[in-house]
């Protein structure tokens, strides 16, 4: 059995503990998986948290959880954080799965919570596939999959 180390980077700004949700899914599907966690204050702190999990903790892959607010500055911060995560991936040659839930994706608190939980679970399952069954992702290419929302399916002529 291959033993994996999947880092979990999250923020205190988020309103749902998505890292714990993902950790539960990972432990169900990857027996023996280690899940070191690094929590930071805000979304723009995630790139260095992820890079440290990779370089200092030896993670095979990292999941980065964030929940940008609904304002324009929040959206700008999310874009900057995304760019930082991409740079961290390129610098470390390691996948960082961005799991962001924008507060304005939901109509109310309940929907926001459900969306965050579902997105964290579905991205954790993607991580399992990336590590254990990459051919499964290849079979899903072009299928209009959406984490946290209903799949839209492939475009048809």
C-alpha atoms as a PDB file:
ATOM      1  CA  UNK A   1       0.000   0.000   0.000  1.00  0.00           C
ATOM      2  CA  UNK A   2       1.347   3.387  -1.020  1.00  0.00           C
ATOM      3  CA  UNK A   3       1.306   5.918   1.780  1.00  0.00           C
ATOM      4  CA  UNK A   4       0.519   9.488   0.763  1.00  0.00           C
ATOM      5  CA  UNK A   5       0.913  12.827   2.433  1.00  0.00           C
ATOM      6  CA  UNK A   6      -1.735  15.374   1.409  1.00  0.00           C
ATOM      7  CA  UNK A   7      -1.320  18.859   2.857  1.00  0.00           C
ATOM      8  CA  UNK A   8      -4.333  20.896   3.900  1.00  0.00           C
ATOM      9  CA  UNK A   9      -3.947  24.686   3.853  1.00  0.00           C
ATOM     10  CA  UNK A  10      -6.864  26.780   5.074  1.00  0.00           C
ATOM     11  CA  UNK A  11      -7.758  30.155   6.545  1.00  0.00           C
ATOM     12  CA  UNK A  12      -9.405  31.604   9.613  1.00  0.00           C
ATOM     13  CA  UNK A  13     -11.299  33.973   7.280  1.00  0.00           C
ATOM     14  CA  UNK A  14     -13.331  31.078   5.827  1.00  0.00           C
ATOM     15  CA  UNK A  15     -16.760  30.497   7.350  1.00  0.00           C
ATOM     16  CA  UNK A  16     -16.750  26.693   6.948  1.00  0.00           C
ATOM     17  CA  UNK A  17     -14.005  24.262   8.036  1.00  0.00           C
ATOM     18  CA  UNK A  18     -13.565  22.708   4.604  1.00  0.00           C
ATOM     19  CA  UNK A  19     -10.177  21.173   5.445  1.00  0.00           C
ATOM     20  CA  UNK A  20     -11.747  18.907   8.076  1.00  0.00           C
ATOM     21  CA  UNK A  21     -14.403  17.825   5.576  1.00  0.00           C
ATOM     22  CA  UNK A  22     -11.737  16.945   2.993  1.00  0.00           C
ATOM     23  CA  UNK A  23      -9.573  15.211   5.593  1.00  0.00           C
ATOM     24  CA  UNK A  24     -12.444  12.873   6.467  1.00  0.00           C
ATOM     25  CA  UNK A  25     -12.944  11.933   2.804  1.00  0.00           C
ATOM     26  CA  UNK A  26      -9.212  11.422   2.248  1.00  0.00           C
ATOM     27  CA  UNK A  27      -8.910   9.148   5.292  1.00  0.00           C
ATOM     28  CA  UNK A  28     -11.923   7.102   4.117  1.00  0.00           C
ATOM     29  CA  UNK A  29     -10.436   6.521   0.666  1.00  0.00           C
ATOM     30  CA  UNK A  30      -6.675   6.509   1.297  1.00  0.00           C
ATOM     31  CA  UNK A  31      -5.912   4.330   4.335  1.00  0.00           C
ATOM     32  CA  UNK A  32      -2.822   5.573   6.143  1.00  0.00           C
ATOM     33  CA  UNK A  33      -2.834   8.982   4.457  1.00  0.00           C
ATOM     34  CA  UNK A  34      -1.107  11.713   6.428  1.00  0.00           C
ATOM     35  CA  UNK A  35      -2.770  15.140   6.332  1.00  0.00           C
ATOM     36  CA  UNK A  36      -0.560  17.854   7.798  1.00  0.00           C
ATOM     37  CA  UNK A  37      -2.486  21.095   8.151  1.00  0.00           C
ATOM     38  CA  UNK A  38      -1.345  24.691   7.976  1.00  0.00           C
ATOM     39  CA  UNK A  39      -3.915  27.367   8.861  1.00  0.00           C
ATOM     40  CA  UNK A  40      -3.278  31.011   7.989  1.00  0.00           C
ATOM     41  CA  UNK A  41      -5.309  34.208   8.528  1.00  0.00           C
ATOM     42  CA  UNK A  42      -6.318  35.030   4.962  1.00  0.00           C
ATOM     43  CA  UNK A  43      -6.507  33.788   1.415  1.00  0.00           C
ATOM     44  CA  UNK A  44      -3.378  35.602   0.215  1.00  0.00           C
ATOM     45  CA  UNK A  45      -1.375  33.694   2.854  1.00  0.00           C
ATOM     46  CA  UNK A  46      -2.254  30.341   1.267  1.00  0.00           C
ATOM     47  CA  UNK A  47       0.537  30.184  -1.363  1.00  0.00           C
ATOM     48  CA  UNK A  48       3.355  30.202   1.193  1.00  0.00           C
ATOM     49  CA  UNK A  49       1.440  27.784   3.436  1.00  0.00           C
ATOM     50  CA  UNK A  50       1.146  25.376   0.510  1.00  0.00           C
ATOM     51  CA  UNK A  51       4.784  25.799  -0.476  1.00  0.00           C
ATOM     52  CA  UNK A  52       5.882  25.090   3.105  1.00  0.00           C
ATOM     53  CA  UNK A  53       3.675  21.982   3.267  1.00  0.00           C
ATOM     54  CA  UNK A  54       5.364  20.722   0.103  1.00  0.00           C
ATOM     55  CA  UNK A  55       8.951  21.658   0.918  1.00  0.00           C
ATOM     56  CA  UNK A  56       9.036  21.234   4.694  1.00  0.00           C
ATOM     57  CA  UNK A  57       6.452  18.482   5.234  1.00  0.00           C
ATOM     58  CA  UNK A  58       7.116  16.529   2.022  1.00  0.00           C
ATOM     59  CA  UNK A  59       3.510  16.564   0.822  1.00  0.00           C
ATOM     60  CA  UNK A  60       2.722  14.748  -2.414  1.00  0.00           C
ATOM     61  CA  UNK A  61      -0.098  17.190  -3.129  1.00  0.00           C
ATOM     62  CA  UNK A  62      -1.790  20.062  -1.268  1.00  0.00           C
ATOM     63  CA  UNK A  63      -5.373  21.260  -1.089  1.00  0.00           C
ATOM     64  CA  UNK A  64      -5.845  25.012  -0.532  1.00  0.00           C
ATOM     65  CA  UNK A  65      -9.176  26.062   0.995  1.00  0.00           C
ATOM     66  CA  UNK A  66     -10.441  29.629   0.919  1.00  0.00           C
ATOM     67  CA  UNK A  67     -13.681  31.547   1.129  1.00  0.00           C
ATOM     68  CA  UNK A  68     -13.451  34.987  -0.466  1.00  0.00           C
ATOM     69  CA  UNK A  69     -16.102  37.474   0.544  1.00  0.00           C
ATOM     70  CA  UNK A  70     -18.590  39.081  -1.836  1.00  0.00           C
ATOM     71  CA  UNK A  71     -16.942  42.485  -2.416  1.00  0.00           C
ATOM     72  CA  UNK A  72     -14.780  43.549  -5.335  1.00  0.00           C
ATOM     73  CA  UNK A  73     -11.657  43.691  -3.141  1.00  0.00           C
ATOM     74  CA  UNK A  74     -12.376  40.118  -1.987  1.00  0.00           C
ATOM     75  CA  UNK A  75     -12.507  38.988  -5.612  1.00  0.00           C
ATOM     76  CA  UNK A  76      -9.223  40.757  -6.325  1.00  0.00           C
ATOM     77  CA  UNK A  77      -7.621  39.087  -3.309  1.00  0.00           C
ATOM     78  CA  UNK A  78      -8.877  35.707  -4.526  1.00  0.00           C
ATOM     79  CA  UNK A  79      -7.328  36.310  -7.950  1.00  0.00           C
ATOM     80  CA  UNK A  80      -4.001  37.276  -6.379  1.00  0.00           C
ATOM     81  CA  UNK A  81      -4.129  34.166  -4.180  1.00  0.00           C
ATOM     82  CA  UNK A  82      -4.891  31.985  -7.210  1.00  0.00           C
ATOM     83  CA  UNK A  83      -1.920  33.429  -9.058  1.00  0.00           C
ATOM     84  CA  UNK A  84       0.253  32.759  -6.003  1.00  0.00           C
ATOM     85  CA  UNK A  85      -0.955  29.156  -5.859  1.00  0.00           C
ATOM     86  CA  UNK A  86      -0.101  28.683  -9.528  1.00  0.00           C
ATOM     87  CA  UNK A  87       3.366  30.093  -8.921  1.00  0.00           C
ATOM     88  CA  UNK A  88       3.856  27.792  -5.916  1.00  0.00           C
ATOM     89  CA  UNK A  89       2.881  24.820  -8.101  1.00  0.00           C
ATOM     90  CA  UNK A  90       5.385  25.800 -10.754  1.00  0.00           C
ATOM     91  CA  UNK A  91       8.163  26.404  -8.213  1.00  0.00           C
ATOM     92  CA  UNK A  92       7.624  23.048  -6.517  1.00  0.00           C
ATOM     93  CA  UNK A  93       6.391  20.949  -9.473  1.00  0.00           C
ATOM     94  CA  UNK A  94       3.571  19.782  -7.188  1.00  0.00           C
ATOM     95  CA  UNK A  95      -0.184  20.036  -7.623  1.00  0.00           C
ATOM     96  CA  UNK A  96      -2.078  22.421  -5.376  1.00  0.00           C
ATOM     97  CA  UNK A  97      -5.814  21.909  -5.687  1.00  0.00           C
ATOM     98  CA  UNK A  98      -7.571  25.239  -5.181  1.00  0.00           C
ATOM     99  CA  UNK A  99     -10.835  24.812  -3.308  1.00  0.00           C
ATOM    100  CA  UNK A 100     -12.353  28.281  -3.115  1.00  0.00           C
ATOM    101  CA  UNK A 101     -15.983  29.009  -2.336  1.00  0.00           C
ATOM    102  CA  UNK A 102     -17.004  32.607  -2.982  1.00  0.00           C
ATOM    103  CA  UNK A 103     -19.586  33.815  -0.484  1.00  0.00           C
ATOM    104  CA  UNK A 104     -21.752  35.238  -3.268  1.00  0.00           C
ATOM    105  CA  UNK A 105     -22.126  31.799  -4.872  1.00  0.00           C
ATOM    106  CA  UNK A 106     -24.895  31.074  -2.363  1.00  0.00           C
ATOM    107  CA  UNK A 107     -28.204  32.723  -1.568  1.00  0.00           C
ATOM    108  CA  UNK A 108     -28.111  32.107   2.196  1.00  0.00           C
ATOM    109  CA  UNK A 109     -26.062  30.635   5.062  1.00  0.00           C
ATOM    110  CA  UNK A 110     -27.402  27.112   4.639  1.00  0.00           C
ATOM    111  CA  UNK A 111     -26.677  27.035   0.915  1.00  0.00           C
ATOM    112  CA  UNK A 112     -23.184  28.439   1.549  1.00  0.00           C
ATOM    113  CA  UNK A 113     -22.433  25.718   4.085  1.00  0.00           C
ATOM    114  CA  UNK A 114     -23.781  22.951   1.834  1.00  0.00           C
ATOM    115  CA  UNK A 115     -21.805  24.258  -1.150  1.00  0.00           C
ATOM    116  CA  UNK A 116     -18.567  24.444   0.849  1.00  0.00           C
ATOM    117  CA  UNK A 117     -18.979  20.922   2.214  1.00  0.00           C
ATOM    118  CA  UNK A 118     -19.856  19.449  -1.173  1.00  0.00           C
ATOM    119  CA  UNK A 119     -17.010  21.232  -2.957  1.00  0.00           C
ATOM    120  CA  UNK A 120     -14.493  20.084  -0.326  1.00  0.00           C
ATOM    121  CA  UNK A 121     -15.745  16.486  -0.566  1.00  0.00           C
ATOM    122  CA  UNK A 122     -15.706  16.415  -4.348  1.00  0.00           C
ATOM    123  CA  UNK A 123     -12.249  17.957  -4.614  1.00  0.00           C
ATOM    124  CA  UNK A 124     -10.970  15.448  -2.034  1.00  0.00           C
ATOM    125  CA  UNK A 125     -12.307  12.668  -4.266  1.00  0.00           C
ATOM    126  CA  UNK A 126     -10.457  14.272  -7.192  1.00  0.00           C
ATOM    127  CA  UNK A 127      -7.269  14.138  -5.106  1.00  0.00           C
ATOM    128  CA  UNK A 128      -7.848  10.422  -4.485  1.00  0.00           C
ATOM    129  CA  UNK A 129      -8.195   9.911  -8.236  1.00  0.00           C
ATOM    130  CA  UNK A 130      -5.085  11.989  -8.967  1.00  0.00           C
ATOM    131  CA  UNK A 131      -3.007   9.885  -6.579  1.00  0.00           C
ATOM    132  CA  UNK A 132      -4.519   6.420  -7.064  1.00  0.00           C
ATOM    133  CA  UNK A 133      -6.444   6.366 -10.361  1.00  0.00           C
ATOM    134  CA  UNK A 134      -5.330   9.120 -12.753  1.00  0.00           C
ATOM    135  CA  UNK A 135      -6.925   7.212 -15.645  1.00  0.00           C
ATOM    136  CA  UNK A 136     -10.315   7.888 -14.045  1.00  0.00           C
ATOM    137  CA  UNK A 137      -9.787  11.616 -14.492  1.00  0.00           C
ATOM    138  CA  UNK A 138      -8.803  11.067 -18.115  1.00  0.00           C
ATOM    139  CA  UNK A 139     -12.115   9.254 -18.696  1.00  0.00           C
ATOM    140  CA  UNK A 140     -13.915  12.286 -17.210  1.00  0.00           C
ATOM    141  CA  UNK A 141     -12.175  14.807 -19.487  1.00  0.00           C
ATOM    142  CA  UNK A 142     -14.618  17.062 -21.328  1.00  0.00           C
ATOM    143  CA  UNK A 143     -17.603  15.894 -19.277  1.00  0.00           C
ATOM    144  CA  UNK A 144     -18.528  19.278 -17.741  1.00  0.00           C
ATOM    145  CA  UNK A 145     -17.888  18.230 -14.149  1.00  0.00           C
ATOM    146  CA  UNK A 146     -18.548  20.892 -11.493  1.00  0.00           C
ATOM    147  CA  UNK A 147     -17.420  20.550  -7.884  1.00  0.00           C
ATOM    148  CA  UNK A 148     -20.105  21.749  -5.500  1.00  0.00           C
ATOM    149  CA  UNK A 149     -22.679  22.338  -8.232  1.00  0.00           C
ATOM    150  CA  UNK A 150     -24.527  19.949 -10.561  1.00  0.00           C
ATOM    151  CA  UNK A 151     -22.443  18.782 -13.504  1.00  0.00           C
ATOM    152  CA  UNK A 152     -23.369  20.481 -16.782  1.00  0.00           C
ATOM    153  CA  UNK A 153     -22.287  17.650 -19.085  1.00  0.00           C
ATOM    154  CA  UNK A 154     -20.402  17.854 -22.359  1.00  0.00           C
ATOM    155  CA  UNK A 155     -21.364  20.328 -25.072  1.00  0.00           C
ATOM    156  CA  UNK A 156     -23.319  18.689 -27.875  1.00  0.00           C
ATOM    157  CA  UNK A 157     -23.618  19.596 -31.538  1.00  0.00           C
END
